[in-house]
Amino acid sequence: MHEMSLCEGVLQVLQDNARSQGFTCVKTVWLEIGALSGVELEAMRFGFDAVMRGSLADKARLEIIEIPGEAWCLKCAKAVQVKQRFDQCPECESYQLQVISGDQMRIKELEVE
């Protein structure tokens, strides 16, 4: 389950920012997670609670903002929404798509004390 290591990475970012910005407690973490990122949302929620236990984000609430997948169709020259990698273009049914967004995960916002 790679979500556990993603949560460990989030915790590292929180600890680094706590040192540089002087906060001691994280109350809420907002994560943007793209539909094409390969991140299982329920596994991420489980991993977040487990990894944050005993840390500065021990009681933090995780808010996930789902970002839709978007790709550029080379055949019809349009940006289209896709639900997963290797989908066909909903406009022309081509498989010549290049992902342009929705394949990343990032910390969007923190509520800290």
PDB file of N, CA and C in Angstrom:
ATOM      1  N   MET A   1       0.860  -1.179   0.000  1.00  0.00           N
ATOM      2  CA  MET A   1       0.000   0.000   0.000  1.00  0.00           C
ATOM      3  C   MET A   1       0.904   1.240   0.000  1.00  0.00           C
ATOM      4  N   HIS A   2       1.031   1.906  -1.141  1.00  0.00           N
ATOM      5  CA  HIS A   2       1.905   3.074  -1.234  1.00  0.00           C
ATOM      6  C   HIS A   2       1.311   4.303  -0.577  1.00  0.00           C
ATOM      7  N   GLU A   3       0.039   4.257  -0.218  1.00  0.00           N
ATOM      8  CA  GLU A   3      -0.583   5.387   0.466  1.00  0.00           C
ATOM      9  C   GLU A   3       0.072   5.643   1.821  1.00  0.00           C
ATOM     10  N   MET A   4       0.552   4.596   2.467  1.00  0.00           N
ATOM     11  CA  MET A   4       1.223   4.751   3.756  1.00  0.00           C
ATOM     12  C   MET A   4       2.496   5.586   3.586  1.00  0.00           C
ATOM     13  N   SER A   5       3.271   5.300   2.553  1.00  0.00           N
ATOM     14  CA  SER A   5       4.484   6.090   2.329  1.00  0.00           C
ATOM     15  C   SER A   5       4.136   7.514   1.898  1.00  0.00           C
ATOM     16  N   LEU A   6       3.031   7.698   1.192  1.00  0.00           N
ATOM     17  CA  LEU A   6       2.587   9.055   0.860  1.00  0.00           C
ATOM     18  C   LEU A   6       2.244   9.829   2.132  1.00  0.00           C
ATOM     19  N   CYS A   7       1.588   9.169   3.066  1.00  0.00           N
ATOM     20  CA  CYS A   7       1.257   9.808   4.340  1.00  0.00           C
ATOM     21  C   CYS A   7       2.516  10.154   5.130  1.00  0.00           C
ATOM     22  N   GLU A   8       3.507   9.287   5.085  1.00  0.00           N
ATOM     23  CA  GLU A   8       4.781   9.585   5.742  1.00  0.00           C
ATOM     24  C   GLU A   8       5.433  10.809   5.113  1.00  0.00           C
ATOM     25  N   GLY A   9       5.313  10.951   3.805  1.00  0.00           N
ATOM     26  CA  GLY A   9       5.828  12.133   3.120  1.00  0.00           C
ATOM     27  C   GLY A   9       5.087  13.389   3.539  1.00  0.00           C
ATOM     28  N   VAL A  10       3.765  13.290   3.699  1.00  0.00           N
ATOM     29  CA  VAL A  10       2.967  14.424   4.172  1.00  0.00           C
ATOM     30  C   VAL A  10       3.421  14.817   5.568  1.00  0.00           C
ATOM     31  N   LEU A  11       3.616  13.839   6.438  1.00  0.00           N
ATOM     32  CA  LEU A  11       4.063  14.129   7.795  1.00  0.00           C
ATOM     33  C   LEU A  11       5.420  14.834   7.778  1.00  0.00           C
ATOM     34  N   GLN A  12       6.315  14.400   6.923  1.00  0.00           N
ATOM     35  CA  GLN A  12       7.630  15.043   6.819  1.00  0.00           C
ATOM     36  C   GLN A  12       7.486  16.511   6.412  1.00  0.00           C
ATOM     37  N   VAL A  13       6.606  16.786   5.461  1.00  0.00           N
ATOM     38  CA  VAL A  13       6.355  18.171   5.034  1.00  0.00           C
ATOM     39  C   VAL A  13       5.787  18.982   6.200  1.00  0.00           C
ATOM     40  N   LEU A  14       4.866  18.388   6.950  1.00  0.00           N
ATOM     41  CA  LEU A  14       4.281  19.085   8.102  1.00  0.00           C
ATOM     42  C   LEU A  14       5.352  19.405   9.142  1.00  0.00           C
ATOM     43  N   GLN A  15       6.215  18.436   9.433  1.00  0.00           N
ATOM     44  CA  GLN A  15       7.279  18.658  10.418  1.00  0.00           C
ATOM     45  C   GLN A  15       8.260  19.724   9.949  1.00  0.00           C
ATOM     46  N   ASP A  16       8.631  19.696   8.684  1.00  0.00           N
ATOM     47  CA  ASP A  16       9.544  20.701   8.138  1.00  0.00           C
ATOM     48  C   ASP A  16       8.937  22.097   8.225  1.00  0.00           C
ATOM     49  N   ASN A  17       7.657  22.200   7.876  1.00  0.00           N
ATOM     50  CA  ASN A  17       6.978  23.500   7.930  1.00  0.00           C
ATOM     51  C   ASN A  17       6.767  23.967   9.358  1.00  0.00           C
ATOM     52  N   ALA A  18       6.541  23.058  10.278  1.00  0.00           N
ATOM     53  CA  ALA A  18       6.382  23.433  11.684  1.00  0.00           C
ATOM     54  C   ALA A  18       7.667  24.053  12.212  1.00  0.00           C
ATOM     55  N   ARG A  19       8.802  23.466  11.843  1.00  0.00           N
ATOM     56  CA  ARG A  19      10.087  24.029  12.267  1.00  0.00           C
ATOM     57  C   ARG A  19      10.320  25.411  11.656  1.00  0.00           C
ATOM     58  N   SER A  20      10.046  25.558  10.382  1.00  0.00           N
ATOM     59  CA  SER A  20      10.352  26.825   9.704  1.00  0.00           C
ATOM     60  C   SER A  20       9.325  27.919   9.992  1.00  0.00           C
ATOM     61  N   GLN A  21       8.081  27.540  10.306  1.00  0.00           N
ATOM     62  CA  GLN A  21       7.034  28.540  10.503  1.00  0.00           C
ATOM     63  C   GLN A  21       6.574  28.672  11.957  1.00  0.00           C
ATOM     64  N   GLY A  22       7.049  27.802  12.819  1.00  0.00           N
ATOM     65  CA  GLY A  22       6.806  27.944  14.244  1.00  0.00           C
ATOM     66  C   GLY A  22       5.446  27.504  14.762  1.00  0.00           C
ATOM     67  N   PHE A  23       4.782  26.573  14.103  1.00  0.00           N
ATOM     68  CA  PHE A  23       3.540  26.056  14.676  1.00  0.00           C
ATOM     69  C   PHE A  23       3.812  24.716  15.357  1.00  0.00           C
ATOM     70  N   THR A  24       2.922  24.334  16.260  1.00  0.00           N
ATOM     71  CA  THR A  24       3.139  23.116  17.046  1.00  0.00           C
ATOM     72  C   THR A  24       2.037  22.069  16.889  1.00  0.00           C
ATOM     73  N   CYS A  25       0.948  22.459  16.248  1.00  0.00           N
ATOM     74  CA  CYS A  25      -0.191  21.548  16.120  1.00  0.00           C
ATOM     75  C   CYS A  25      -0.872  21.757  14.767  1.00  0.00           C
ATOM     76  N   VAL A  26      -1.166  20.659  14.103  1.00  0.00           N
ATOM     77  CA  VAL A  26      -1.914  20.712  12.845  1.00  0.00           C
ATOM     78  C   VAL A  26      -3.327  20.230  13.132  1.00  0.00           C
ATOM     79  N   LYS A  27      -4.299  21.046  12.778  1.00  0.00           N
ATOM     80  CA  LYS A  27      -5.700  20.703  13.029  1.00  0.00           C
ATOM     81  C   LYS A  27      -6.386  20.086  11.810  1.00  0.00           C
ATOM     82  N   THR A  28      -6.085  20.633  10.628  1.00  0.00           N
ATOM     83  CA  THR A  28      -6.706  20.139   9.398  1.00  0.00           C
ATOM     84  C   THR A  28      -5.689  20.185   8.269  1.00  0.00           C
ATOM     85  N   VAL A  29      -5.722  19.144   7.445  1.00  0.00           N
ATOM     86  CA  VAL A  29      -4.885  19.081   6.243  1.00  0.00           C
ATOM     87  C   VAL A  29      -5.820  18.893   5.052  1.00  0.00           C
ATOM     88  N   TRP A  30      -5.699  19.787   4.071  1.00  0.00           N
ATOM     89  CA  TRP A  30      -6.445  19.653   2.824  1.00  0.00           C
ATOM     90  C   TRP A  30      -5.490  19.141   1.768  1.00  0.00           C
ATOM     91  N   LEU A  31      -5.808  17.981   1.208  1.00  0.00           N
ATOM     92  CA  LEU A  31      -4.999  17.389   0.139  1.00  0.00           C
ATOM     93  C   LEU A  31      -5.793  17.397  -1.160  1.00  0.00           C
ATOM     94  N   GLU A  32      -5.170  17.858  -2.224  1.00  0.00           N
ATOM     95  CA  GLU A  32      -5.742  17.706  -3.557  1.00  0.00           C
ATOM     96  C   GLU A  32      -5.180  16.413  -4.129  1.00  0.00           C
ATOM     97  N   ILE A  33      -6.087  15.524  -4.526  1.00  0.00           N
ATOM     98  CA  ILE A  33      -5.671  14.238  -5.075  1.00  0.00           C
ATOM     99  C   ILE A  33      -6.367  14.048  -6.419  1.00  0.00           C
ATOM    100  N   GLY A  34      -5.577  13.888  -7.454  1.00  0.00           N
ATOM    101  CA  GLY A  34      -6.111  13.729  -8.803  1.00  0.00           C
ATOM    102  C   GLY A  34      -6.657  12.335  -9.048  1.00  0.00           C
ATOM    103  N   ALA A  35      -7.679  12.276  -9.884  1.00  0.00           N
ATOM    104  CA  ALA A  35      -8.314  11.004 -10.230  1.00  0.00           C
ATOM    105  C   ALA A  35      -7.342  10.049 -10.925  1.00  0.00           C
ATOM    106  N   LEU A  36      -6.297  10.605 -11.555  1.00  0.00           N
ATOM    107  CA  LEU A  36      -5.334   9.779 -12.289  1.00  0.00           C
ATOM    108  C   LEU A  36      -4.040   9.554 -11.506  1.00  0.00           C
ATOM    109  N   SER A  37      -4.041   9.914 -10.234  1.00  0.00           N
ATOM    110  CA  SER A  37      -2.817   9.830  -9.426  1.00  0.00           C
ATOM    111  C   SER A  37      -2.491   8.411  -8.959  1.00  0.00           C
ATOM    112  N   GLY A  38      -3.463   7.539  -9.011  1.00  0.00           N
ATOM    113  CA  GLY A  38      -3.240   6.176  -8.536  1.00  0.00           C
ATOM    114  C   GLY A  38      -3.363   6.042  -7.029  1.00  0.00           C
ATOM    115  N   VAL A  39      -3.872   7.080  -6.369  1.00  0.00           N
ATOM    116  CA  VAL A  39      -4.022   7.059  -4.923  1.00  0.00           C
ATOM    117  C   VAL A  39      -5.420   6.550  -4.571  1.00  0.00           C
ATOM    118  N   GLU A  40      -5.484   5.522  -3.754  1.00  0.00           N
ATOM    119  CA  GLU A  40      -6.741   4.979  -3.254  1.00  0.00           C
ATOM    120  C   GLU A  40      -7.178   5.846  -2.071  1.00  0.00           C
ATOM    121  N   LEU A  41      -8.300   6.535  -2.208  1.00  0.00           N
ATOM    122  CA  LEU A  41      -8.708   7.528  -1.213  1.00  0.00           C
ATOM    123  C   LEU A  41      -8.968   6.930   0.168  1.00  0.00           C
ATOM    124  N   GLU A  42      -9.626   5.792   0.237  1.00  0.00           N
ATOM    125  CA  GLU A  42      -9.904   5.182   1.541  1.00  0.00           C
ATOM    126  C   GLU A  42      -8.619   4.699   2.208  1.00  0.00           C
ATOM    127  N   ALA A  43      -7.696   4.168   1.422  1.00  0.00           N
ATOM    128  CA  ALA A  43      -6.401   3.751   1.966  1.00  0.00           C
ATOM    129  C   ALA A  43      -5.629   4.974   2.457  1.00  0.00           C
ATOM    130  N   MET A  44      -5.775   6.093   1.767  1.00  0.00           N
ATOM    131  CA  MET A  44      -5.112   7.331   2.186  1.00  0.00           C
ATOM    132  C   MET A  44      -5.670   7.802   3.523  1.00  0.00           C
ATOM    133  N   ARG A  45      -6.975   7.749   3.688  1.00  0.00           N
ATOM    134  CA  ARG A  45      -7.594   8.149   4.963  1.00  0.00           C
ATOM    135  C   ARG A  45      -7.119   7.253   6.109  1.00  0.00           C
ATOM    136  N   PHE A  46      -7.092   5.956   5.854  1.00  0.00           N
ATOM    137  CA  PHE A  46      -6.626   5.016   6.874  1.00  0.00           C
ATOM    138  C   PHE A  46      -5.160   5.270   7.217  1.00  0.00           C
ATOM    139  N   GLY A  47      -4.333   5.399   6.181  1.00  0.00           N
ATOM    140  CA  GLY A  47      -2.904   5.631   6.384  1.00  0.00           C
ATOM    141  C   GLY A  47      -2.631   6.936   7.100  1.00  0.00           C
ATOM    142  N   PHE A  48      -3.403   7.968   6.782  1.00  0.00           N
ATOM    143  CA  PHE A  48      -3.223   9.276   7.414  1.00  0.00           C
ATOM    144  C   PHE A  48      -3.422   9.160   8.923  1.00  0.00           C
ATOM    145  N   ASP A  49      -4.509   8.541   9.330  1.00  0.00           N
ATOM    146  CA  ASP A  49      -4.776   8.388  10.769  1.00  0.00           C
ATOM    147  C   ASP A  49      -3.673   7.597  11.459  1.00  0.00           C
ATOM    148  N   ALA A  50      -3.211   6.535  10.834  1.00  0.00           N
ATOM    149  CA  ALA A  50      -2.177   5.691  11.431  1.00  0.00           C
ATOM    150  C   ALA A  50      -0.836   6.410  11.520  1.00  0.00           C
ATOM    151  N   VAL A  51      -0.426   7.089  10.457  1.00  0.00           N
ATOM    152  CA  VAL A  51       0.889   7.741  10.413  1.00  0.00           C
ATOM    153  C   VAL A  51       0.928   8.978  11.311  1.00  0.00           C
ATOM    154  N   MET A  52      -0.165   9.705  11.403  1.00  0.00           N
ATOM    155  CA  MET A  52      -0.171  10.950  12.177  1.00  0.00           C
ATOM    156  C   MET A  52      -0.251  10.719  13.685  1.00  0.00           C
ATOM    157  N   ARG A  53      -0.616   9.522  14.087  1.00  0.00           N
ATOM    158  CA  ARG A  53      -0.757   9.197  15.505  1.00  0.00           C
ATOM    159  C   ARG A  53       0.540   9.500  16.258  1.00  0.00           C
ATOM    160  N   GLY A  54       0.441  10.279  17.326  1.00  0.00           N
ATOM    161  CA  GLY A  54       1.597  10.608  18.155  1.00  0.00           C
ATOM    162  C   GLY A  54       2.455  11.742  17.612  1.00  0.00           C
ATOM    163  N   SER A  55       2.029  12.375  16.536  1.00  0.00           N
ATOM    164  CA  SER A  55       2.808  13.461  15.933  1.00  0.00           C
ATOM    165  C   SER A  55       2.119  14.808  16.170  1.00  0.00           C
ATOM    166  N   LEU A  56       2.658  15.864  15.587  1.00  0.00           N
ATOM    167  CA  LEU A  56       2.041  17.182  15.713  1.00  0.00           C
ATOM    168  C   LEU A  56       0.688  17.235  15.004  1.00  0.00           C
ATOM    169  N   ALA A  57       0.363  16.216  14.225  1.00  0.00           N
ATOM    170  CA  ALA A  57      -0.922  16.143  13.527  1.00  0.00           C
ATOM    171  C   ALA A  57      -1.763  14.980  14.051  1.00  0.00           C
ATOM    172  N   ASP A  58      -1.564  14.642  15.321  1.00  0.00           N
ATOM    173  CA  ASP A  58      -2.217  13.483  15.934  1.00  0.00           C
ATOM    174  C   ASP A  58      -3.734  13.504  15.776  1.00  0.00           C
ATOM    175  N   LYS A  59      -4.362  14.603  16.026  1.00  0.00           N
ATOM    176  CA  LYS A  59      -5.826  14.703  15.956  1.00  0.00           C
ATOM    177  C   LYS A  59      -6.291  15.450  14.707  1.00  0.00           C
ATOM    178  N   ALA A  60      -5.411  15.599  13.730  1.00  0.00           N
ATOM    179  CA  ALA A  60      -5.742  16.368  12.532  1.00  0.00           C
ATOM    180  C   ALA A  60      -6.831  15.684  11.703  1.00  0.00           C
ATOM    181  N   ARG A  61      -7.658  16.520  11.112  1.00  0.00           N
ATOM    182  CA  ARG A  61      -8.701  16.057  10.204  1.00  0.00           C
ATOM    183  C   ARG A  61      -8.140  16.118   8.787  1.00  0.00           C
ATOM    184  N   LEU A  62      -8.381  15.093   8.000  1.00  0.00           N
ATOM    185  CA  LEU A  62      -7.941  15.057   6.606  1.00  0.00           C
ATOM    186  C   LEU A  62      -9.131  15.374   5.717  1.00  0.00           C
ATOM    187  N   GLU A  63      -8.976  16.413   4.904  1.00  0.00           N
ATOM    188  CA  GLU A  63      -9.988  16.781   3.913  1.00  0.00           C
ATOM    189  C   GLU A  63      -9.387  16.518   2.539  1.00  0.00           C
ATOM    190  N   ILE A  64     -10.057  15.682   1.755  1.00  0.00           N
ATOM    191  CA  ILE A  64      -9.558  15.343   0.423  1.00  0.00           C
ATOM    192  C   ILE A  64     -10.387  16.069  -0.623  1.00  0.00           C
ATOM    193  N   ILE A  65      -9.690  16.786  -1.480  1.00  0.00           N
ATOM    194  CA  ILE A  65     -10.321  17.481  -2.600  1.00  0.00           C
ATOM    195  C   ILE A  65      -9.972  16.677  -3.849  1.00  0.00           C
ATOM    196  N   GLU A  66     -10.980  16.092  -4.461  1.00  0.00           N
ATOM    197  CA  GLU A  66     -10.744  15.260  -5.640  1.00  0.00           C
ATOM    198  C   GLU A  66     -10.659  16.142  -6.887  1.00  0.00           C
ATOM    199  N   ILE A  67      -9.584  15.957  -7.638  1.00  0.00           N
ATOM    200  CA  ILE A  67      -9.353  16.701  -8.868  1.00  0.00           C
ATOM    201  C   ILE A  67      -9.622  15.753 -10.039  1.00  0.00           C
ATOM    202  N   PRO A  68     -10.503  16.144 -10.966  1.00  0.00           N
ATOM    203  CA  PRO A  68     -10.784  15.248 -12.097  1.00  0.00           C
ATOM    204  C   PRO A  68      -9.582  15.108 -13.021  1.00  0.00           C
ATOM    205  N   GLY A  69      -9.548  13.994 -13.722  1.00  0.00           N
ATOM    206  CA  GLY A  69      -8.498  13.772 -14.704  1.00  0.00           C
ATOM    207  C   GLY A  69      -8.816  14.514 -15.990  1.00  0.00           C
ATOM    208  N   GLU A  70      -7.788  15.089 -16.568  1.00  0.00           N
ATOM    209  CA  GLU A  70      -7.967  15.805 -17.820  1.00  0.00           C
ATOM    210  C   GLU A  70      -6.824  15.431 -18.771  1.00  0.00           C
ATOM    211  N   ALA A  71      -7.168  15.257 -20.031  1.00  0.00           N
ATOM    212  CA  ALA A  71      -6.172  14.882 -21.032  1.00  0.00           C
ATOM    213  C   ALA A  71      -6.390  15.694 -22.306  1.00  0.00           C
ATOM    214  N   TRP A  72      -5.317  15.814 -23.079  1.00  0.00           N
ATOM    215  CA  TRP A  72      -5.374  16.487 -24.374  1.00  0.00           C
ATOM    216  C   TRP A  72      -5.479  15.402 -25.441  1.00  0.00           C
ATOM    217  N   CYS A  73      -6.530  15.489 -26.258  1.00  0.00           N
ATOM    218  CA  CYS A  73      -6.701  14.533 -27.347  1.00  0.00           C
ATOM    219  C   CYS A  73      -5.922  15.038 -28.558  1.00  0.00           C
ATOM    220  N   LEU A  74      -4.987  14.232 -29.005  1.00  0.00           N
ATOM    221  CA  LEU A  74      -4.161  14.610 -30.150  1.00  0.00           C
ATOM    222  C   LEU A  74      -4.960  14.590 -31.454  1.00  0.00           C
ATOM    223  N   LYS A  75      -5.982  13.755 -31.514  1.00  0.00           N
ATOM    224  CA  LYS A  75      -6.761  13.631 -32.743  1.00  0.00           C
ATOM    225  C   LYS A  75      -7.747  14.792 -32.914  1.00  0.00           C
ATOM    226  N   CYS A  76      -8.525  15.093 -31.887  1.00  0.00           N
ATOM    227  CA  CYS A  76      -9.525  16.164 -32.044  1.00  0.00           C
ATOM    228  C   CYS A  76      -9.066  17.496 -31.457  1.00  0.00           C
ATOM    229  N   ALA A  77      -7.857  17.532 -30.894  1.00  0.00           N
ATOM    230  CA  ALA A  77      -7.246  18.768 -30.373  1.00  0.00           C
ATOM    231  C   ALA A  77      -8.133  19.469 -29.348  1.00  0.00           C
ATOM    232  N   LYS A  78      -8.585  18.676 -28.359  1.00  0.00           N
ATOM    233  CA  LYS A  78      -9.424  19.223 -27.284  1.00  0.00           C
ATOM    234  C   LYS A  78      -8.938  18.678 -25.945  1.00  0.00           C
ATOM    235  N   ALA A  79      -9.169  19.479 -24.909  1.00  0.00           N
ATOM    236  CA  ALA A  79      -8.971  18.995 -23.543  1.00  0.00           C
ATOM    237  C   ALA A  79     -10.254  18.287 -23.137  1.00  0.00           C
ATOM    238  N   VAL A  80     -10.122  17.060 -22.652  1.00  0.00           N
ATOM    239  CA  VAL A  80     -11.294  16.259 -22.276  1.00  0.00           C
ATOM    240  C   VAL A  80     -11.092  15.666 -20.892  1.00  0.00           C
ATOM    241  N   GLN A  81     -12.194  15.413 -20.206  1.00  0.00           N
ATOM    242  CA  GLN A  81     -12.115  14.760 -18.896  1.00  0.00           C
ATOM    243  C   GLN A  81     -12.064  13.250 -19.090  1.00  0.00           C
ATOM    244  N   VAL A  82     -11.196  12.603 -18.291  1.00  0.00           N
ATOM    245  CA  VAL A  82     -11.087  11.147 -18.303  1.00  0.00           C
ATOM    246  C   VAL A  82     -11.128  10.649 -16.858  1.00  0.00           C
ATOM    247  N   LYS A  83     -11.640   9.448 -16.685  1.00  0.00           N
ATOM    248  CA  LYS A  83     -11.769   8.889 -15.338  1.00  0.00           C
ATOM    249  C   LYS A  83     -10.558   8.062 -14.940  1.00  0.00           C
ATOM    250  N   GLN A  84      -9.871   7.504 -15.933  1.00  0.00           N
ATOM    251  CA  GLN A  84      -8.682   6.713 -15.651  1.00  0.00           C
ATOM    252  C   GLN A  84      -7.742   6.771 -16.839  1.00  0.00           C
ATOM    253  N   ARG A  85      -6.486   6.430 -16.579  1.00  0.00           N
ATOM    254  CA  ARG A  85      -5.502   6.401 -17.662  1.00  0.00           C
ATOM    255  C   ARG A  85      -5.944   5.378 -18.705  1.00  0.00           C
ATOM    256  N   PHE A  86      -5.611   5.652 -19.920  1.00  0.00           N
ATOM    257  CA  PHE A  86      -5.896   4.767 -21.052  1.00  0.00           C
ATOM    258  C   PHE A  86      -7.377   4.720 -21.420  1.00  0.00           C
ATOM    259  N   ASP A  87      -8.179   5.669 -20.898  1.00  0.00           N
ATOM    260  CA  ASP A  87      -9.536   5.831 -21.402  1.00  0.00           C
ATOM    261  C   ASP A  87      -9.459   6.359 -22.821  1.00  0.00           C
ATOM    262  N   GLN A  88     -10.535   6.193 -23.542  1.00  0.00           N
ATOM    263  CA  GLN A  88     -10.575   6.785 -24.878  1.00  0.00           C
ATOM    264  C   GLN A  88     -11.201   8.172 -24.797  1.00  0.00           C
ATOM    265  N   CYS A  89     -10.968   8.971 -25.801  1.00  0.00           N
ATOM    266  CA  CYS A  89     -11.518  10.318 -25.856  1.00  0.00           C
ATOM    267  C   CYS A  89     -13.041  10.231 -25.928  1.00  0.00           C
ATOM    268  N   PRO A  90     -13.751  10.961 -25.046  1.00  0.00           N
ATOM    269  CA  PRO A  90     -15.213  10.920 -25.083  1.00  0.00           C
ATOM    270  C   PRO A  90     -15.791  11.647 -26.306  1.00  0.00           C
ATOM    271  N   GLU A  91     -14.964  12.421 -26.991  1.00  0.00           N
ATOM    272  CA  GLU A  91     -15.422  13.162 -28.172  1.00  0.00           C
ATOM    273  C   GLU A  91     -15.266  12.344 -29.459  1.00  0.00           C
ATOM    274  N   CYS A  92     -14.057  11.793 -29.672  1.00  0.00           N
ATOM    275  CA  CYS A  92     -13.775  11.128 -30.958  1.00  0.00           C
ATOM    276  C   CYS A  92     -13.403   9.641 -30.809  1.00  0.00           C
ATOM    277  N   GLU A  93     -13.340   9.155 -29.577  1.00  0.00           N
ATOM    278  CA  GLU A  93     -13.028   7.759 -29.248  1.00  0.00           C
ATOM    279  C   GLU A  93     -11.590   7.347 -29.559  1.00  0.00           C
ATOM    280  N   SER A  94     -10.728   8.315 -29.765  1.00  0.00           N
ATOM    281  CA  SER A  94      -9.308   8.035 -29.980  1.00  0.00           C
ATOM    282  C   SER A  94      -8.649   7.670 -28.648  1.00  0.00           C
ATOM    283  N   TYR A  95      -7.577   6.909 -28.741  1.00  0.00           N
ATOM    284  CA  TYR A  95      -6.791   6.580 -27.553  1.00  0.00           C
ATOM    285  C   TYR A  95      -5.505   7.406 -27.496  1.00  0.00           C
ATOM    286  N   GLN A  96      -5.393   8.380 -28.370  1.00  0.00           N
ATOM    287  CA  GLN A  96      -4.191   9.223 -28.421  1.00  0.00           C
ATOM    288  C   GLN A  96      -4.369  10.410 -27.479  1.00  0.00           C
ATOM    289  N   LEU A  97      -4.289  10.131 -26.184  1.00  0.00           N
ATOM    290  CA  LEU A  97      -4.501  11.147 -25.157  1.00  0.00           C
ATOM    291  C   LEU A  97      -3.223  11.371 -24.364  1.00  0.00           C
ATOM    292  N   GLN A  98      -3.000  12.618 -24.020  1.00  0.00           N
ATOM    293  CA  GLN A  98      -1.867  12.980 -23.175  1.00  0.00           C
ATOM    294  C   GLN A  98      -2.425  13.640 -21.910  1.00  0.00           C
ATOM    295  N   VAL A  99      -2.131  13.062 -20.754  1.00  0.00           N
ATOM    296  CA  VAL A  99      -2.638  13.588 -19.487  1.00  0.00           C
ATOM    297  C   VAL A  99      -2.078  14.993 -19.261  1.00  0.00           C
ATOM    298  N   ILE A 100      -2.973  15.927 -18.893  1.00  0.00           N
ATOM    299  CA  ILE A 100      -2.535  17.298 -18.613  1.00  0.00           C
ATOM    300  C   ILE A 100      -2.814  17.720 -17.166  1.00  0.00           C
ATOM    301  N   SER A 101      -3.726  17.032 -16.491  1.00  0.00           N
ATOM    302  CA  SER A 101      -3.936  17.321 -15.067  1.00  0.00           C
ATOM    303  C   SER A 101      -4.704  16.176 -14.422  1.00  0.00           C
ATOM    304  N   GLY A 102      -4.676  16.189 -13.085  1.00  0.00           N
ATOM    305  CA  GLY A 102      -5.371  15.153 -12.339  1.00  0.00           C
ATOM    306  C   GLY A 102      -4.508  13.955 -12.018  1.00  0.00           C
ATOM    307  N   ASP A 103      -3.189  14.072 -12.228  1.00  0.00           N
ATOM    308  CA  ASP A 103      -2.301  12.947 -11.937  1.00  0.00           C
ATOM    309  C   ASP A 103      -1.376  13.249 -10.757  1.00  0.00           C
ATOM    310  N   GLN A 104      -1.695  14.288  -9.993  1.00  0.00           N
ATOM    311  CA  GLN A 104      -0.813  14.675  -8.896  1.00  0.00           C
ATOM    312  C   GLN A 104      -1.561  14.675  -7.556  1.00  0.00           C
ATOM    313  N   MET A 105      -0.766  14.791  -6.501  1.00  0.00           N
ATOM    314  CA  MET A 105      -1.277  14.957  -5.151  1.00  0.00           C
ATOM    315  C   MET A 105      -0.474  16.077  -4.515  1.00  0.00           C
ATOM    316  N   ARG A 106      -1.161  16.999  -3.834  1.00  0.00           N
ATOM    317  CA  ARG A 106      -0.432  18.085  -3.176  1.00  0.00           C
ATOM    318  C   ARG A 106      -1.193  18.561  -1.954  1.00  0.00           C
ATOM    319  N   ILE A 107      -0.440  19.096  -1.014  1.00  0.00           N
ATOM    320  CA  ILE A 107      -1.047  19.722   0.155  1.00  0.00           C
ATOM    321  C   ILE A 107      -1.529  21.092  -0.289  1.00  0.00           C
ATOM    322  N   LYS A 108      -2.815  21.311  -0.208  1.00  0.00           N
ATOM    323  CA  LYS A 108      -3.389  22.585  -0.649  1.00  0.00           C
ATOM    324  C   LYS A 108      -3.396  23.602   0.476  1.00  0.00           C
ATOM    325  N   GLU A 109      -3.749  23.155   1.689  1.00  0.00           N
ATOM    326  CA  GLU A 109      -3.915  24.099   2.796  1.00  0.00           C
ATOM    327  C   GLU A 109      -3.760  23.371   4.130  1.00  0.00           C
ATOM    328  N   LEU A 110      -3.368  24.118   5.145  1.00  0.00           N
ATOM    329  CA  LEU A 110      -3.248  23.599   6.504  1.00  0.00           C
ATOM    330  C   LEU A 110      -3.947  24.538   7.463  1.00  0.00           C
ATOM    331  N   GLU A 111      -4.550  23.967   8.488  1.00  0.00           N
ATOM    332  CA  GLU A 111      -5.036  24.747   9.630  1.00  0.00           C
ATOM    333  C   GLU A 111      -4.138  24.343  10.806  1.00  0.00           C
ATOM    334  N   VAL A 112      -3.426  25.328  11.361  1.00  0.00           N
ATOM    335  CA  VAL A 112      -2.429  25.025  12.387  1.00  0.00           C
ATOM    336  C   VAL A 112      -2.605  25.942  13.605  1.00  0.00           C
ATOM    337  N   GLU A 113      -1.956  25.581  14.682  1.00  0.00           N
ATOM    338  CA  GLU A 113      -1.896  26.415  15.883  1.00  0.00           C
ATOM    339  C   GLU A 113      -0.450  26.607  16.264  1.00  0.00           C
TER     340      GLU A 113
END
